[in-house]
Amino acid sequence: MSDVKRPGSLAQNEWTRREFMLSVLGGGFALAAQPVLAQATFTDTKGLVAGEVKVPAVDRAIPAYHAMPEQGGPFPVILVIQEIFGVHEHIRDVCRRLAKSGYLAIAPDLFVRQGDVSKLTDVQQIIKDVVSKVPDAQVLGDVDAALMWAQSTGRADRTRTAITGFCYGGRITWLYCSHNPSLRAGAAWYGRLAGPVTELAPKNPIDIAATLTVPVLGLYGGADAGIPRDTVEAMRTALAQGKSGSEIIVYEGAPHAFFADYRASYRKEAAEDGWRQMLAWFKAHGVESPGMVG
């Protein structure tokens, strides 16, 4: 846990906004996600325990980033599922934001066996050389392992767990809620809902919608060129056939990745409302934040 930055440490107190931006441009964000815009949010670690950990999975230990309040607990757990860019600085910051709200958040590196996407400079190369080779079954097992790690800390409330994910992670959020019905809730940000199936990815979210029992909130952009509006409406129809109580919110005019504040796709109003809607959804389904930190 050498990456852990504890409150009150010299490194934390001297880590200014300028130094943060210099450090992330040097590698905190995936290379394919560059350039990083100055609007990118940085959430400090004051009042938190945060950093990298090793999660025991079926065949190996996988790296993960976690964050939780330094004092108190047990805390409700939020599983955070990465974009195609991996567990880079944006996903780590999401974990810290959730920890500031009183959660134990953990984001496992789901691509570690197939390659290091942080060093690849082309999105299509990431998809072709890494993402397309990652089996859904492996991913679901690794998320299971991350949840087990969180529960093993002694600071997690085992009865209150939710999941959220972005882009690639949005799709996995839907699938994991089907895989693990013990979750209280999920929030899927602009995850693909339908498309070709393969041996490694045998199901799409729309295929499990009618049998889903975990309530999932879908957050989608009305101007998302990669997720046609008709698939969003088809997903709504499929969800209505089941009993999960899942809902979808569409932000008109918002593109794909509207929550990603380090990118030009960011839409402040939609992102902030989506975050509020997510936290309210978790609260409504029994994964309530115990209060703000710091």
C-alpha atoms as a PDB file:
ATOM      1  CA  MET A   1       0.000   0.000   0.000  1.00  0.00           C
ATOM      2  CA  SER A   2       2.844   2.367  -0.773  1.00  0.00           C
ATOM      3  CA  ASP A   3       0.513   4.651  -2.739  1.00  0.00           C
ATOM      4  CA  VAL A   4      -1.605   5.466   0.308  1.00  0.00           C
ATOM      5  CA  LYS A   5      -1.617   9.154   1.237  1.00  0.00           C
ATOM      6  CA  ARG A   6      -2.819   9.678   4.775  1.00  0.00           C
ATOM      7  CA  PRO A   7      -4.325  12.894   6.096  1.00  0.00           C
ATOM      8  CA  GLY A   8      -1.844  15.286   7.589  1.00  0.00           C
ATOM      9  CA  SER A   9       1.145  13.883   5.743  1.00  0.00           C
ATOM     10  CA  LEU A  10       3.722  16.275   4.324  1.00  0.00           C
ATOM     11  CA  ALA A  11       3.131  14.906   0.823  1.00  0.00           C
ATOM     12  CA  GLN A  12      -0.566  15.611   1.042  1.00  0.00           C
ATOM     13  CA  ASN A  13      -0.233  19.085   2.543  1.00  0.00           C
ATOM     14  CA  GLU A  14       2.235  20.156  -0.146  1.00  0.00           C
ATOM     15  CA  TRP A  15       0.341  18.566  -3.069  1.00  0.00           C
ATOM     16  CA  THR A  16      -0.982  21.746  -4.641  1.00  0.00           C
ATOM     17  CA  ARG A  17      -3.397  22.015  -7.567  1.00  0.00           C
ATOM     18  CA  ARG A  18      -0.551  23.024  -9.904  1.00  0.00           C
ATOM     19  CA  GLU A  19       1.579  20.062  -8.837  1.00  0.00           C
ATOM     20  CA  PHE A  20      -1.400  17.779  -9.320  1.00  0.00           C
ATOM     21  CA  MET A  21      -1.934  18.922 -12.910  1.00  0.00           C
ATOM     22  CA  LEU A  22       1.762  18.482 -13.688  1.00  0.00           C
ATOM     23  CA  SER A  23       1.786  15.014 -12.163  1.00  0.00           C
ATOM     24  CA  VAL A  24      -1.290  13.762 -13.980  1.00  0.00           C
ATOM     25  CA  LEU A  25       0.012  15.034 -17.311  1.00  0.00           C
ATOM     26  CA  GLY A  26       3.043  12.905 -16.611  1.00  0.00           C
ATOM     27  CA  GLY A  27       1.044   9.707 -16.253  1.00  0.00           C
ATOM     28  CA  GLY A  28      -1.905  10.029 -13.897  1.00  0.00           C
ATOM     29  CA  PHE A  29      -4.303   9.913 -16.831  1.00  0.00           C
ATOM     30  CA  ALA A  30      -4.125   7.321 -19.586  1.00  0.00           C
ATOM     31  CA  LEU A  31      -2.103   8.556 -22.578  1.00  0.00           C
ATOM     32  CA  ALA A  32      -5.042   7.978 -24.935  1.00  0.00           C
ATOM     33  CA  ALA A  33      -7.135  10.319 -22.782  1.00  0.00           C
ATOM     34  CA  GLN A  34      -4.785  13.265 -23.330  1.00  0.00           C
ATOM     35  CA  PRO A  35      -4.900  16.220 -23.416  1.00  0.00           C
ATOM     36  CA  VAL A  36      -6.292  16.596 -19.912  1.00  0.00           C
ATOM     37  CA  LEU A  37      -8.349  19.761 -19.585  1.00  0.00           C
ATOM     38  CA  ALA A  38      -7.744  22.213 -16.742  1.00  0.00           C
ATOM     39  CA  GLN A  39     -11.348  21.713 -15.599  1.00  0.00           C
ATOM     40  CA  ALA A  40     -10.492  18.200 -14.381  1.00  0.00           C
ATOM     41  CA  THR A  41     -11.586  17.721 -10.791  1.00  0.00           C
ATOM     42  CA  PHE A  42      -9.039  16.880  -8.120  1.00  0.00           C
ATOM     43  CA  THR A  43     -10.431  15.589  -4.840  1.00  0.00           C
ATOM     44  CA  ASP A  44      -7.901  15.641  -2.018  1.00  0.00           C
ATOM     45  CA  THR A  45      -7.398  12.895   0.548  1.00  0.00           C
ATOM     46  CA  LYS A  46      -8.009  14.988   3.666  1.00  0.00           C
ATOM     47  CA  GLY A  47      -9.910  12.822   6.113  1.00  0.00           C
ATOM     48  CA  LEU A  48      -9.491   9.740   3.925  1.00  0.00           C
ATOM     49  CA  VAL A  49      -7.431   6.606   3.633  1.00  0.00           C
ATOM     50  CA  ALA A  50      -6.797   6.156  -0.088  1.00  0.00           C
ATOM     51  CA  GLY A  51      -4.405   4.315  -2.356  1.00  0.00           C
ATOM     52  CA  GLU A  52      -3.595   1.147  -4.240  1.00  0.00           C
ATOM     53  CA  VAL A  53      -4.165  -2.316  -2.822  1.00  0.00           C
ATOM     54  CA  LYS A  54      -3.777  -5.873  -4.091  1.00  0.00           C
ATOM     55  CA  VAL A  55      -6.983  -7.869  -4.377  1.00  0.00           C
ATOM     56  CA  PRO A  56      -6.726 -11.689  -4.302  1.00  0.00           C
ATOM     57  CA  ALA A  57      -8.559 -13.024  -7.353  1.00  0.00           C
ATOM     58  CA  VAL A  58      -8.960 -16.590  -8.587  1.00  0.00           C
ATOM     59  CA  ASP A  59      -5.625 -16.849 -10.385  1.00  0.00           C
ATOM     60  CA  ARG A  60      -3.600 -13.882  -9.172  1.00  0.00           C
ATOM     61  CA  ALA A  61      -3.625 -10.681  -7.169  1.00  0.00           C
ATOM     62  CA  ILE A  62      -5.013  -7.741  -9.120  1.00  0.00           C
ATOM     63  CA  PRO A  63      -4.343  -4.076  -8.379  1.00  0.00           C
ATOM     64  CA  ALA A  64      -7.183  -1.834  -7.288  1.00  0.00           C
ATOM     65  CA  TYR A  65      -7.626   1.708  -6.029  1.00  0.00           C
ATOM     66  CA  HIS A  66      -9.672   2.298  -2.905  1.00  0.00           C
ATOM     67  CA  ALA A  67     -10.736   5.239  -0.785  1.00  0.00           C
ATOM     68  CA  MET A  68     -12.735   5.493   2.434  1.00  0.00           C
ATOM     69  CA  PRO A  69     -13.124   7.830   5.406  1.00  0.00           C
ATOM     70  CA  GLU A  70     -10.266   7.636   7.879  1.00  0.00           C
ATOM     71  CA  GLN A  71     -12.574   7.588  10.880  1.00  0.00           C
ATOM     72  CA  GLY A  72     -15.787   5.724  11.593  1.00  0.00           C
ATOM     73  CA  GLY A  73     -17.497   2.890   9.811  1.00  0.00           C
ATOM     74  CA  PRO A  74     -18.625   0.410   8.861  1.00  0.00           C
ATOM     75  CA  PHE A  75     -19.203   2.114   5.521  1.00  0.00           C
ATOM     76  CA  PRO A  76     -21.519   1.182   2.653  1.00  0.00           C
ATOM     77  CA  VAL A  77     -19.489  -0.112  -0.305  1.00  0.00           C
ATOM     78  CA  ILE A  78     -19.516   1.265  -3.843  1.00  0.00           C
ATOM     79  CA  LEU A  79     -17.825  -0.791  -6.551  1.00  0.00           C
ATOM     80  CA  VAL A  80     -16.433   1.582  -9.197  1.00  0.00           C
ATOM     81  CA  ILE A  81     -15.968   0.175 -12.689  1.00  0.00           C
ATOM     82  CA  GLN A  82     -13.475   1.766 -15.040  1.00  0.00           C
ATOM     83  CA  GLU A  83     -13.690   3.256 -18.514  1.00  0.00           C
ATOM     84  CA  ILE A  84     -11.671   1.695 -21.344  1.00  0.00           C
ATOM     85  CA  PHE A  85      -8.771   3.857 -20.110  1.00  0.00           C
ATOM     86  CA  GLY A  86      -8.403   1.724 -17.004  1.00  0.00           C
ATOM     87  CA  VAL A  87      -8.140   2.840 -13.385  1.00  0.00           C
ATOM     88  CA  HIS A  88      -6.548   6.157 -14.267  1.00  0.00           C
ATOM     89  CA  GLU A  89      -6.782   9.430 -12.366  1.00  0.00           C
ATOM     90  CA  HIS A  90     -10.420  10.152 -13.237  1.00  0.00           C
ATOM     91  CA  ILE A  91     -11.611   6.836 -11.813  1.00  0.00           C
ATOM     92  CA  ARG A  92      -9.418   7.277  -8.748  1.00  0.00           C
ATOM     93  CA  ASP A  93     -10.952  10.690  -8.219  1.00  0.00           C
ATOM     94  CA  VAL A  94     -14.443   9.192  -8.447  1.00  0.00           C
ATOM     95  CA  CYS A  95     -13.422   6.862  -5.614  1.00  0.00           C
ATOM     96  CA  ARG A  96     -12.232   9.802  -3.526  1.00  0.00           C
ATOM     97  CA  ARG A  97     -15.443  11.741  -4.206  1.00  0.00           C
ATOM     98  CA  LEU A  98     -17.479   8.792  -3.009  1.00  0.00           C
ATOM     99  CA  ALA A  99     -15.250   8.400   0.045  1.00  0.00           C
ATOM    100  CA  LYS A 100     -15.804  12.070   0.862  1.00  0.00           C
ATOM    101  CA  SER A 101     -19.522  11.226   0.869  1.00  0.00           C
ATOM    102  CA  GLY A 102     -18.915   8.502   3.436  1.00  0.00           C
ATOM    103  CA  TYR A 103     -18.527   5.401   1.274  1.00  0.00           C
ATOM    104  CA  LEU A 104     -15.836   2.765   0.919  1.00  0.00           C
ATOM    105  CA  ALA A 105     -15.151   2.854  -2.822  1.00  0.00           C
ATOM    106  CA  ILE A 106     -12.984   0.380  -4.708  1.00  0.00           C
ATOM    107  CA  ALA A 107     -12.038   0.235  -8.397  1.00  0.00           C
ATOM    108  CA  PRO A 108     -10.293  -2.985  -9.512  1.00  0.00           C
ATOM    109  CA  ASP A 109      -8.034  -3.002 -12.580  1.00  0.00           C
ATOM    110  CA  LEU A 110     -10.044  -5.262 -14.869  1.00  0.00           C
ATOM    111  CA  PHE A 111      -7.588  -5.283 -17.792  1.00  0.00           C
ATOM    112  CA  VAL A 112      -4.412  -6.197 -15.918  1.00  0.00           C
ATOM    113  CA  ARG A 113      -4.072  -9.660 -17.471  1.00  0.00           C
ATOM    114  CA  GLN A 114      -4.539  -8.433 -21.053  1.00  0.00           C
ATOM    115  CA  GLY A 115      -2.370  -5.326 -21.018  1.00  0.00           C
ATOM    116  CA  ASP A 116      -1.584  -1.875 -19.669  1.00  0.00           C
ATOM    117  CA  VAL A 117      -3.963   0.494 -21.440  1.00  0.00           C
ATOM    118  CA  SER A 118      -2.495   3.538 -19.686  1.00  0.00           C
ATOM    119  CA  LYS A 119       0.537   3.468 -22.008  1.00  0.00           C
ATOM    120  CA  LEU A 120      -1.400   3.100 -25.285  1.00  0.00           C
ATOM    121  CA  THR A 121      -2.025   6.303 -27.221  1.00  0.00           C
ATOM    122  CA  ASP A 122      -4.821   5.239 -29.565  1.00  0.00           C
ATOM    123  CA  VAL A 123      -8.377   4.410 -28.502  1.00  0.00           C
ATOM    124  CA  GLN A 124      -8.880   1.882 -31.291  1.00  0.00           C
ATOM    125  CA  GLN A 125      -5.654   0.138 -30.295  1.00  0.00           C
ATOM    126  CA  ILE A 126      -6.928  -0.091 -26.717  1.00  0.00           C
ATOM    127  CA  ILE A 127     -10.157  -1.681 -27.925  1.00  0.00           C
ATOM    128  CA  LYS A 128      -8.496  -4.063 -30.392  1.00  0.00           C
ATOM    129  CA  ASP A 129      -5.442  -5.128 -28.400  1.00  0.00           C
ATOM    130  CA  VAL A 130      -6.843  -5.172 -24.879  1.00  0.00           C
ATOM    131  CA  VAL A 131     -10.562  -4.598 -24.292  1.00  0.00           C
ATOM    132  CA  SER A 132     -11.771  -7.033 -26.944  1.00  0.00           C
ATOM    133  CA  LYS A 133      -9.694  -9.789 -25.301  1.00  0.00           C
ATOM    134  CA  VAL A 134     -11.144  -9.394 -21.800  1.00  0.00           C
ATOM    135  CA  PRO A 135     -13.777 -12.061 -20.995  1.00  0.00           C
ATOM    136  CA  ASP A 136     -16.913 -10.879 -19.219  1.00  0.00           C
ATOM    137  CA  ALA A 137     -16.698 -13.909 -16.933  1.00  0.00           C
ATOM    138  CA  GLN A 138     -13.208 -12.837 -15.823  1.00  0.00           C
ATOM    139  CA  VAL A 139     -14.425  -9.322 -15.154  1.00  0.00           C
ATOM    140  CA  LEU A 140     -17.409 -10.431 -13.084  1.00  0.00           C
ATOM    141  CA  GLY A 141     -15.120 -12.682 -11.043  1.00  0.00           C
ATOM    142  CA  ASP A 142     -12.670  -9.845 -10.437  1.00  0.00           C
ATOM    143  CA  VAL A 143     -15.468  -7.545  -9.267  1.00  0.00           C
ATOM    144  CA  ASP A 144     -16.551 -10.327  -6.906  1.00  0.00           C
ATOM    145  CA  ALA A 145     -12.984 -10.393  -5.586  1.00  0.00           C
ATOM    146  CA  ALA A 146     -12.928  -6.616  -5.093  1.00  0.00           C
ATOM    147  CA  LEU A 147     -16.144  -6.813  -3.102  1.00  0.00           C
ATOM    148  CA  MET A 148     -14.723  -9.616  -0.972  1.00  0.00           C
ATOM    149  CA  TRP A 149     -11.593  -7.535  -0.330  1.00  0.00           C
ATOM    150  CA  ALA A 150     -13.699  -4.571   0.777  1.00  0.00           C
ATOM    151  CA  GLN A 151     -15.688  -6.790   3.108  1.00  0.00           C
ATOM    152  CA  SER A 152     -12.485  -8.266   4.546  1.00  0.00           C
ATOM    153  CA  THR A 153     -11.275  -4.867   5.769  1.00  0.00           C
ATOM    154  CA  GLY A 154     -13.648  -4.913   8.712  1.00  0.00           C
ATOM    155  CA  ARG A 155     -14.763  -1.406   7.783  1.00  0.00           C
ATOM    156  CA  ALA A 156     -17.433  -2.330   5.234  1.00  0.00           C
ATOM    157  CA  ASP A 157     -21.146  -2.707   5.848  1.00  0.00           C
ATOM    158  CA  ARG A 158     -21.734  -6.075   4.199  1.00  0.00           C
ATOM    159  CA  THR A 159     -25.467  -5.422   3.914  1.00  0.00           C
ATOM    160  CA  ARG A 160     -25.170  -2.225   1.871  1.00  0.00           C
ATOM    161  CA  THR A 161     -23.356  -2.454  -1.454  1.00  0.00           C
ATOM    162  CA  ALA A 162     -23.899  -0.706  -4.788  1.00  0.00           C
ATOM    163  CA  ILE A 163     -22.020  -0.410  -8.066  1.00  0.00           C
ATOM    164  CA  THR A 164     -21.384   2.323 -10.599  1.00  0.00           C
ATOM    165  CA  GLY A 165     -19.397   2.406 -13.835  1.00  0.00           C
ATOM    166  CA  PHE A 166     -18.623   4.565 -16.829  1.00  0.00           C
ATOM    167  CA  CYS A 167     -18.653   3.686 -20.565  1.00  0.00           C
ATOM    168  CA  TYR A 168     -17.165   0.161 -20.560  1.00  0.00           C
ATOM    169  CA  GLY A 169     -17.919   0.160 -16.857  1.00  0.00           C
ATOM    170  CA  GLY A 170     -21.509   1.195 -17.489  1.00  0.00           C
ATOM    171  CA  ARG A 171     -22.093  -1.979 -19.486  1.00  0.00           C
ATOM    172  CA  ILE A 172     -20.416  -4.065 -16.779  1.00  0.00           C
ATOM    173  CA  THR A 173     -22.585  -2.378 -14.137  1.00  0.00           C
ATOM    174  CA  TRP A 174     -25.743  -3.744 -15.783  1.00  0.00           C
ATOM    175  CA  LEU A 175     -24.210  -7.210 -16.150  1.00  0.00           C
ATOM    176  CA  TYR A 176     -22.823  -7.343 -12.616  1.00  0.00           C
ATOM    177  CA  CYS A 177     -26.191  -6.412 -11.136  1.00  0.00           C
ATOM    178  CA  SER A 178     -27.575  -9.482 -12.890  1.00  0.00           C
ATOM    179  CA  HIS A 179     -24.605 -11.593 -11.775  1.00  0.00           C
ATOM    180  CA  ASN A 180     -24.806 -10.540  -8.095  1.00  0.00           C
ATOM    181  CA  PRO A 181     -28.412 -10.037  -6.954  1.00  0.00           C
ATOM    182  CA  SER A 182     -27.254  -9.284  -3.398  1.00  0.00           C
ATOM    183  CA  LEU A 183     -26.429  -5.707  -4.434  1.00  0.00           C
ATOM    184  CA  ARG A 184     -28.809  -3.007  -3.313  1.00  0.00           C
ATOM    185  CA  ALA A 185     -28.491  -0.800  -6.414  1.00  0.00           C
ATOM    186  CA  GLY A 186     -26.481   0.170  -9.479  1.00  0.00           C
ATOM    187  CA  ALA A 187     -25.834   3.316 -11.524  1.00  0.00           C
ATOM    188  CA  ALA A 188     -24.691   2.790 -15.117  1.00  0.00           C
ATOM    189  CA  TRP A 189     -23.219   5.790 -16.911  1.00  0.00           C
ATOM    190  CA  TYR A 190     -23.536   5.588 -20.725  1.00  0.00           C
ATOM    191  CA  GLY A 191     -22.752   1.884 -20.988  1.00  0.00           C
ATOM    192  CA  ARG A 192     -23.447   0.050 -24.244  1.00  0.00           C
ATOM    193  CA  LEU A 193     -26.803  -1.728 -24.097  1.00  0.00           C
ATOM    194  CA  ALA A 194     -26.961  -3.817 -27.259  1.00  0.00           C
ATOM    195  CA  GLY A 195     -24.711  -5.051 -30.056  1.00  0.00           C
ATOM    196  CA  PRO A 196     -22.843  -8.097 -31.332  1.00  0.00           C
ATOM    197  CA  VAL A 197     -22.192 -10.954 -28.939  1.00  0.00           C
ATOM    198  CA  THR A 198     -19.011 -13.030 -28.835  1.00  0.00           C
ATOM    199  CA  GLU A 199     -17.677 -15.994 -26.919  1.00  0.00           C
ATOM    200  CA  LEU A 200     -16.009 -13.592 -24.493  1.00  0.00           C
ATOM    201  CA  ALA A 201     -19.032 -11.276 -24.268  1.00  0.00           C
ATOM    202  CA  PRO A 202     -22.038 -13.557 -24.654  1.00  0.00           C
ATOM    203  CA  LYS A 203     -24.690 -11.179 -23.345  1.00  0.00           C
ATOM    204  CA  ASN A 204     -25.643  -7.530 -23.611  1.00  0.00           C
ATOM    205  CA  PRO A 205     -27.450  -5.575 -20.893  1.00  0.00           C
ATOM    206  CA  ILE A 206     -30.658  -5.678 -22.914  1.00  0.00           C
ATOM    207  CA  ASP A 207     -30.545  -9.472 -22.747  1.00  0.00           C
ATOM    208  CA  ILE A 208     -30.761  -9.496 -18.944  1.00  0.00           C
ATOM    209  CA  ALA A 209     -33.060  -6.492 -18.475  1.00  0.00           C
ATOM    210  CA  ALA A 210     -36.322  -8.378 -18.033  1.00  0.00           C
ATOM    211  CA  THR A 211     -34.875 -10.763 -15.414  1.00  0.00           C
ATOM    212  CA  LEU A 212     -32.899  -8.141 -13.477  1.00  0.00           C
ATOM    213  CA  THR A 213     -33.771  -7.890  -9.784  1.00  0.00           C
ATOM    214  CA  VAL A 214     -31.299  -5.186  -8.685  1.00  0.00           C
ATOM    215  CA  PRO A 215     -32.603  -1.651  -9.377  1.00  0.00           C
ATOM    216  CA  VAL A 216     -30.264   0.118 -11.800  1.00  0.00           C
ATOM    217  CA  LEU A 217     -30.289   3.779 -12.750  1.00  0.00           C
ATOM    218  CA  GLY A 218     -29.093   4.324 -16.317  1.00  0.00           C
ATOM    219  CA  LEU A 219     -27.575   7.735 -17.120  1.00  0.00           C
ATOM    220  CA  TYR A 220     -27.306   8.404 -20.853  1.00  0.00           C
ATOM    221  CA  GLY A 221     -26.617  11.251 -23.247  1.00  0.00           C
ATOM    222  CA  GLY A 222     -29.216  12.132 -25.850  1.00  0.00           C
ATOM    223  CA  ALA A 223     -26.456  13.017 -28.335  1.00  0.00           C
ATOM    224  CA  ASP A 224     -24.317   9.919 -27.711  1.00  0.00           C
ATOM    225  CA  ALA A 225     -23.136   8.888 -31.178  1.00  0.00           C
ATOM    226  CA  GLY A 226     -22.091   5.442 -29.954  1.00  0.00           C
ATOM    227  CA  ILE A 227     -25.320   4.477 -28.190  1.00  0.00           C
ATOM    228  CA  PRO A 228     -28.300   5.031 -30.515  1.00  0.00           C
ATOM    229  CA  ARG A 229     -31.433   6.408 -28.896  1.00  0.00           C
ATOM    230  CA  ASP A 230     -33.474   3.474 -30.165  1.00  0.00           C
ATOM    231  CA  THR A 231     -31.368   1.057 -28.102  1.00  0.00           C
ATOM    232  CA  VAL A 232     -31.982   3.173 -25.007  1.00  0.00           C
ATOM    233  CA  GLU A 233     -35.725   3.035 -25.649  1.00  0.00           C
ATOM    234  CA  ALA A 234     -35.532  -0.706 -26.304  1.00  0.00           C
ATOM    235  CA  MET A 235     -33.769  -1.099 -22.958  1.00  0.00           C
ATOM    236  CA  ARG A 236     -36.536   0.850 -21.236  1.00  0.00           C
ATOM    237  CA  THR A 237     -39.107  -1.443 -22.787  1.00  0.00           C
ATOM    238  CA  ALA A 238     -37.195  -4.541 -21.709  1.00  0.00           C
ATOM    239  CA  LEU A 239     -36.803  -3.224 -18.159  1.00  0.00           C
ATOM    240  CA  ALA A 240     -40.541  -2.553 -17.952  1.00  0.00           C
ATOM    241  CA  GLN A 241     -41.137  -6.274 -18.506  1.00  0.00           C
ATOM    242  CA  GLY A 242     -39.283  -7.068 -15.283  1.00  0.00           C
ATOM    243  CA  LYS A 243     -39.663  -6.129 -11.642  1.00  0.00           C
ATOM    244  CA  SER A 244     -36.342  -4.487 -10.754  1.00  0.00           C
ATOM    245  CA  GLY A 245     -37.726  -0.961 -10.776  1.00  0.00           C
ATOM    246  CA  SER A 246     -34.781   0.191 -12.894  1.00  0.00           C
ATOM    247  CA  GLU A 247     -34.963   3.561 -14.622  1.00  0.00           C
ATOM    248  CA  ILE A 248     -33.114   5.447 -17.345  1.00  0.00           C
ATOM    249  CA  ILE A 249     -32.479   9.187 -17.480  1.00  0.00           C
ATOM    250  CA  VAL A 250     -31.475  10.730 -20.816  1.00  0.00           C
ATOM    251  CA  TYR A 251     -29.755  14.126 -20.842  1.00  0.00           C
ATOM    252  CA  GLU A 252     -30.783  15.763 -24.069  1.00  0.00           C
ATOM    253  CA  GLY A 253     -27.879  17.201 -26.041  1.00  0.00           C
ATOM    254  CA  ALA A 254     -25.259  15.481 -23.898  1.00  0.00           C
ATOM    255  CA  PRO A 255     -22.630  13.388 -25.730  1.00  0.00           C
ATOM    256  CA  HIS A 256     -20.950  10.184 -24.656  1.00  0.00           C
ATOM    257  CA  ALA A 257     -18.708  10.585 -21.593  1.00  0.00           C
ATOM    258  CA  PHE A 258     -20.523  13.701 -20.405  1.00  0.00           C
ATOM    259  CA  PHE A 259     -19.364  12.993 -16.835  1.00  0.00           C
ATOM    260  CA  ALA A 260     -15.660  12.847 -17.766  1.00  0.00           C
ATOM    261  CA  ASP A 261     -14.586  16.300 -16.587  1.00  0.00           C
ATOM    262  CA  TYR A 262     -11.053  15.912 -17.941  1.00  0.00           C
ATOM    263  CA  ARG A 263     -12.346  15.662 -21.544  1.00  0.00           C
ATOM    264  CA  ALA A 264     -14.038  17.997 -24.004  1.00  0.00           C
ATOM    265  CA  SER A 265     -17.151  15.797 -23.830  1.00  0.00           C
ATOM    266  CA  TYR A 266     -17.843  17.013 -20.281  1.00  0.00           C
ATOM    267  CA  ARG A 267     -21.197  18.683 -19.719  1.00  0.00           C
ATOM    268  CA  LYS A 268     -21.255  20.284 -16.290  1.00  0.00           C
ATOM    269  CA  GLU A 269     -25.005  20.490 -15.782  1.00  0.00           C
ATOM    270  CA  ALA A 270     -25.691  16.916 -16.866  1.00  0.00           C
ATOM    271  CA  ALA A 271     -22.703  15.564 -14.913  1.00  0.00           C
ATOM    272  CA  GLU A 272     -23.645  17.297 -11.680  1.00  0.00           C
ATOM    273  CA  ASP A 273     -27.288  16.311 -11.959  1.00  0.00           C
ATOM    274  CA  GLY A 274     -26.327  12.721 -12.773  1.00  0.00           C
ATOM    275  CA  TRP A 275     -24.127  12.572  -9.660  1.00  0.00           C
ATOM    276  CA  ARG A 276     -26.981  13.873  -7.505  1.00  0.00           C
ATOM    277  CA  GLN A 277     -29.393  11.419  -9.091  1.00  0.00           C
ATOM    278  CA  MET A 278     -26.968   8.557  -8.460  1.00  0.00           C
ATOM    279  CA  LEU A 279     -26.508   9.372  -4.769  1.00  0.00           C
ATOM    280  CA  ALA A 280     -30.267   9.817  -4.348  1.00  0.00           C
ATOM    281  CA  TRP A 281     -30.829   6.457  -6.068  1.00  0.00           C
ATOM    282  CA  PHE A 282     -28.403   4.744  -3.727  1.00  0.00           C
ATOM    283  CA  LYS A 283     -30.076   6.364  -0.724  1.00  0.00           C
ATOM    284  CA  ALA A 284     -33.550   5.366  -1.914  1.00  0.00           C
ATOM    285  CA  HIS A 285     -32.421   1.751  -2.150  1.00  0.00           C
ATOM    286  CA  GLY A 286     -30.762   1.473   1.226  1.00  0.00           C
ATOM    287  CA  VAL A 287     -27.183   2.488   0.390  1.00  0.00           C
ATOM    288  CA  GLU A 288     -27.307   5.823   2.112  1.00  0.00           C
ATOM    289  CA  SER A 289     -24.216   7.907   2.676  1.00  0.00           C
ATOM    290  CA  PRO A 290     -23.463   8.357   6.388  1.00  0.00           C
ATOM    291  CA  GLY A 291     -22.278  11.924   5.792  1.00  0.00           C
ATOM    292  CA  MET A 292     -19.612  14.107   4.235  1.00  0.00           C
ATOM    293  CA  VAL A 293     -15.941  13.943   5.212  1.00  0.00           C
ATOM    294  CA  GLY A 294     -13.592  16.919   5.467  1.00  0.00           C
END
